Amino acid sequence: MDAAIVHVLKPEVLFTPMVGFRVLLTIGSIALALVLASSIRFYSHTCMQSVNKASEVVEDKIKSECKRVVLILDKSA
């Protein structure tokens, strides 16, 4: 593998159109994969935080409504 990398990185081989295109395509693909992976991880993390926060708010509202119903029923009884 080492010999293949040394051969490809020689200037007379690297600057041929086909090899240069393949090297640029590889570097571009790796960069695109890194950007996609990091953005997916970032947005999925913030999305889960939003869902957790929303569920806490809804849970608090449900608890307060249940307390109101219990108080109303206690007053009626």
N, C-alpha and C. Protein backbone atom coordinates (compact mmCIF):
# COMPACT_ATOMS: atom_id res chain seq x y z
N MET A 1 0.83 -1.19 0.00
CA MET A 1 0.00 0.00 0.00
C MET A 1 0.86 1.24 0.00
N ASP A 2 1.95 1.20 0.76
CA ASP A 2 2.84 2.35 0.85
C ASP A 2 3.45 2.68 -0.50
N ALA A 3 3.84 1.65 -1.26
CA ALA A 3 4.43 1.87 -2.58
C ALA A 3 3.42 2.49 -3.54
N ALA A 4 2.17 2.11 -3.44
CA ALA A 4 1.13 2.68 -4.31
C ALA A 4 0.90 4.15 -4.00
N ILE A 5 0.89 4.51 -2.73
CA ILE A 5 0.69 5.90 -2.34
C ILE A 5 1.87 6.76 -2.80
N VAL A 6 3.10 6.25 -2.62
CA VAL A 6 4.29 6.98 -3.06
C VAL A 6 4.25 7.16 -4.57
N HIS A 7 3.83 6.13 -5.30
CA HIS A 7 3.77 6.22 -6.77
C HIS A 7 2.73 7.25 -7.22
N VAL A 8 1.57 7.25 -6.59
CA VAL A 8 0.50 8.18 -6.99
C VAL A 8 0.87 9.62 -6.65
N LEU A 9 1.61 9.84 -5.57
CA LEU A 9 1.95 11.19 -5.16
C LEU A 9 3.15 11.78 -5.90
N LYS A 10 3.76 11.04 -6.79
CA LYS A 10 4.84 11.60 -7.62
C LYS A 10 4.24 12.67 -8.53
N PRO A 11 4.93 13.79 -8.72
CA PRO A 11 4.37 14.88 -9.53
C PRO A 11 4.02 14.48 -10.97
N GLU A 12 4.81 13.62 -11.59
CA GLU A 12 4.51 13.23 -12.98
C GLU A 12 3.27 12.35 -13.08
N VAL A 13 2.89 11.69 -11.99
CA VAL A 13 1.67 10.88 -11.99
C VAL A 13 0.50 11.69 -11.44
N LEU A 14 0.73 12.45 -10.38
CA LEU A 14 -0.34 13.18 -9.71
C LEU A 14 -0.98 14.24 -10.60
N PHE A 15 -0.18 14.87 -11.43
CA PHE A 15 -0.71 15.96 -12.25
C PHE A 15 -1.23 15.52 -13.61
N THR A 16 -1.43 14.23 -13.81
CA THR A 16 -2.14 13.78 -15.01
C THR A 16 -3.62 14.01 -14.77
N PRO A 17 -4.38 14.28 -15.81
CA PRO A 17 -5.80 14.64 -15.61
C PRO A 17 -6.62 13.58 -14.87
N MET A 18 -6.43 12.32 -15.18
CA MET A 18 -7.25 11.27 -14.56
C MET A 18 -6.93 11.12 -13.07
N VAL A 19 -5.66 11.06 -12.72
CA VAL A 19 -5.28 10.88 -11.31
C VAL A 19 -5.63 12.13 -10.52
N GLY A 20 -5.37 13.31 -11.07
CA GLY A 20 -5.72 14.54 -10.39
C GLY A 20 -7.21 14.64 -10.11
N PHE A 21 -8.02 14.24 -11.09
CA PHE A 21 -9.48 14.25 -10.92
C PHE A 21 -9.89 13.29 -9.81
N ARG A 22 -9.30 12.12 -9.79
CA ARG A 22 -9.65 11.13 -8.77
C ARG A 22 -9.24 11.60 -7.37
N VAL A 23 -8.07 12.23 -7.27
CA VAL A 23 -7.62 12.73 -5.97
C VAL A 23 -8.55 13.85 -5.49
N LEU A 24 -8.89 14.79 -6.37
CA LEU A 24 -9.81 15.86 -6.00
C LEU A 24 -11.19 15.31 -5.65
N LEU A 25 -11.64 14.32 -6.39
CA LEU A 25 -12.94 13.71 -6.11
C LEU A 25 -12.93 13.02 -4.75
N THR A 26 -11.85 12.35 -4.42
CA THR A 26 -11.73 11.69 -3.12
C THR A 26 -11.72 12.70 -1.98
N ILE A 27 -10.93 13.76 -2.13
CA ILE A 27 -10.87 14.79 -1.09
C ILE A 27 -12.22 15.47 -0.93
N GLY A 28 -12.88 15.77 -2.04
CA GLY A 28 -14.21 16.39 -1.98
C GLY A 28 -15.24 15.49 -1.33
N SER A 29 -15.18 14.20 -1.63
CA SER A 29 -16.14 13.26 -1.04
C SER A 29 -15.94 13.14 0.47
N ILE A 30 -14.69 13.10 0.90
CA ILE A 30 -14.41 13.02 2.33
C ILE A 30 -14.89 14.28 3.04
N ALA A 31 -14.62 15.45 2.42
CA ALA A 31 -15.06 16.71 3.03
C ALA A 31 -16.59 16.77 3.11
N LEU A 32 -17.27 16.35 2.06
CA LEU A 32 -18.74 16.35 2.07
C LEU A 32 -19.28 15.39 3.13
N ALA A 33 -18.67 14.24 3.28
CA ALA A 33 -19.10 13.28 4.30
C ALA A 33 -18.91 13.85 5.70
N LEU A 34 -17.80 14.55 5.92
CA LEU A 34 -17.57 15.16 7.24
C LEU A 34 -18.60 16.24 7.54
N VAL A 35 -18.91 17.07 6.54
CA VAL A 35 -19.90 18.13 6.74
C VAL A 35 -21.28 17.53 7.02
N LEU A 36 -21.67 16.54 6.25
CA LEU A 36 -22.98 15.91 6.45
C LEU A 36 -23.07 15.23 7.82
N ALA A 37 -22.04 14.50 8.18
CA ALA A 37 -22.07 13.79 9.47
C ALA A 37 -22.14 14.77 10.64
N SER A 38 -21.36 15.82 10.57
CA SER A 38 -21.38 16.77 11.68
C SER A 38 -22.70 17.54 11.75
N SER A 39 -23.26 17.91 10.60
CA SER A 39 -24.53 18.63 10.64
C SER A 39 -25.67 17.73 11.10
N ILE A 40 -25.67 16.48 10.69
CA ILE A 40 -26.72 15.55 11.14
C ILE A 40 -26.61 15.34 12.65
N ARG A 41 -25.40 15.17 13.16
CA ARG A 41 -25.23 14.99 14.60
C ARG A 41 -25.65 16.23 15.37
N PHE A 42 -25.29 17.41 14.86
CA PHE A 42 -25.64 18.64 15.55
C PHE A 42 -27.15 18.84 15.59
N TYR A 43 -27.81 18.71 14.43
CA TYR A 43 -29.25 18.98 14.38
C TYR A 43 -30.06 17.89 15.07
N SER A 44 -29.61 16.65 15.05
CA SER A 44 -30.35 15.62 15.76
C SER A 44 -30.24 15.83 17.26
N HIS A 45 -29.09 16.32 17.72
CA HIS A 45 -28.90 16.59 19.15
C HIS A 45 -29.80 17.74 19.59
N THR A 46 -29.84 18.82 18.82
CA THR A 46 -30.68 19.96 19.20
C THR A 46 -32.16 19.60 19.07
N CYS A 47 -32.49 18.76 18.12
CA CYS A 47 -33.88 18.32 17.96
C CYS A 47 -34.32 17.51 19.17
N MET A 48 -33.46 16.62 19.64
CA MET A 48 -33.81 15.82 20.81
C MET A 48 -33.94 16.69 22.05
N GLN A 49 -33.11 17.72 22.17
CA GLN A 49 -33.24 18.64 23.29
C GLN A 49 -34.58 19.36 23.23
N SER A 50 -35.00 19.76 22.03
CA SER A 50 -36.29 20.45 21.88
C SER A 50 -37.44 19.53 22.24
N VAL A 51 -37.35 18.28 21.81
CA VAL A 51 -38.41 17.32 22.13
C VAL A 51 -38.47 17.08 23.63
N ASN A 52 -37.32 16.92 24.27
CA ASN A 52 -37.30 16.71 25.71
C ASN A 52 -37.86 17.91 26.46
N LYS A 53 -37.48 19.10 26.01
CA LYS A 53 -37.97 20.31 26.66
C LYS A 53 -39.48 20.44 26.47
N ALA A 54 -39.97 20.15 25.27
CA ALA A 54 -41.40 20.23 25.01
C ALA A 54 -42.16 19.21 25.84
N SER A 55 -41.60 18.01 25.98
CA SER A 55 -42.29 17.00 26.76
C SER A 55 -42.35 17.40 28.24
N GLU A 56 -41.31 18.06 28.73
CA GLU A 56 -41.33 18.53 30.11
C GLU A 56 -42.40 19.60 30.31
N VAL A 57 -42.54 20.50 29.34
CA VAL A 57 -43.55 21.55 29.43
C VAL A 57 -44.95 20.94 29.41
N VAL A 58 -45.16 20.00 28.49
CA VAL A 58 -46.47 19.35 28.41
C VAL A 58 -46.74 18.56 29.68
N GLU A 59 -45.74 17.88 30.19
CA GLU A 59 -45.91 17.12 31.43
C GLU A 59 -46.28 18.03 32.59
N ASP A 60 -45.62 19.19 32.68
CA ASP A 60 -45.95 20.14 33.74
C ASP A 60 -47.38 20.66 33.60
N LYS A 61 -47.81 20.91 32.35
CA LYS A 61 -49.18 21.37 32.14
C LYS A 61 -50.18 20.30 32.54
N ILE A 62 -49.90 19.06 32.19
CA ILE A 62 -50.81 17.96 32.54
C ILE A 62 -50.90 17.82 34.06
N LYS A 63 -49.74 17.92 34.73
CA LYS A 63 -49.75 17.81 36.20
C LYS A 63 -50.56 18.95 36.82
N SER A 64 -50.39 20.17 36.31
CA SER A 64 -51.13 21.29 36.89
C SER A 64 -52.63 21.16 36.62
N GLU A 65 -53.00 20.66 35.45
CA GLU A 65 -54.42 20.46 35.15
C GLU A 65 -55.00 19.36 36.03
N CYS A 66 -54.24 18.31 36.26
CA CYS A 66 -54.72 17.23 37.13
C CYS A 66 -54.93 17.75 38.56
N LYS A 67 -54.01 18.61 39.02
CA LYS A 67 -54.16 19.18 40.35
C LYS A 67 -55.42 20.04 40.42
N ARG A 68 -55.70 20.80 39.36
CA ARG A 68 -56.90 21.63 39.35
C ARG A 68 -58.16 20.76 39.40
N VAL A 69 -58.16 19.68 38.63
CA VAL A 69 -59.32 18.78 38.62
C VAL A 69 -59.52 18.15 39.99
N VAL A 70 -58.44 17.75 40.62
CA VAL A 70 -58.53 17.14 41.95
C VAL A 70 -59.07 18.17 42.94
N LEU A 71 -58.59 19.39 42.87
CA LEU A 71 -59.07 20.42 43.78
C LEU A 71 -60.56 20.70 43.57
N ILE A 72 -60.97 20.75 42.30
CA ILE A 72 -62.39 21.00 41.99
C ILE A 72 -63.24 19.85 42.52
N LEU A 73 -62.77 18.61 42.31
CA LEU A 73 -63.54 17.46 42.77
C LEU A 73 -63.58 17.42 44.30
N ASP A 74 -62.50 17.79 44.94
CA ASP A 74 -62.50 17.82 46.42
C ASP A 74 -63.48 18.86 46.96
N LYS A 75 -63.58 20.00 46.30
CA LYS A 75 -64.50 21.02 46.74
C LYS A 75 -65.94 20.59 46.52
N SER A 76 -66.17 19.83 45.46
CA SER A 76 -67.54 19.36 45.15
C SER A 76 -67.98 18.29 46.12
N ALA A 77 -67.07 17.49 46.61
CA ALA A 77 -67.44 16.35 47.47
C ALA A 77 -67.70 16.75 48.86
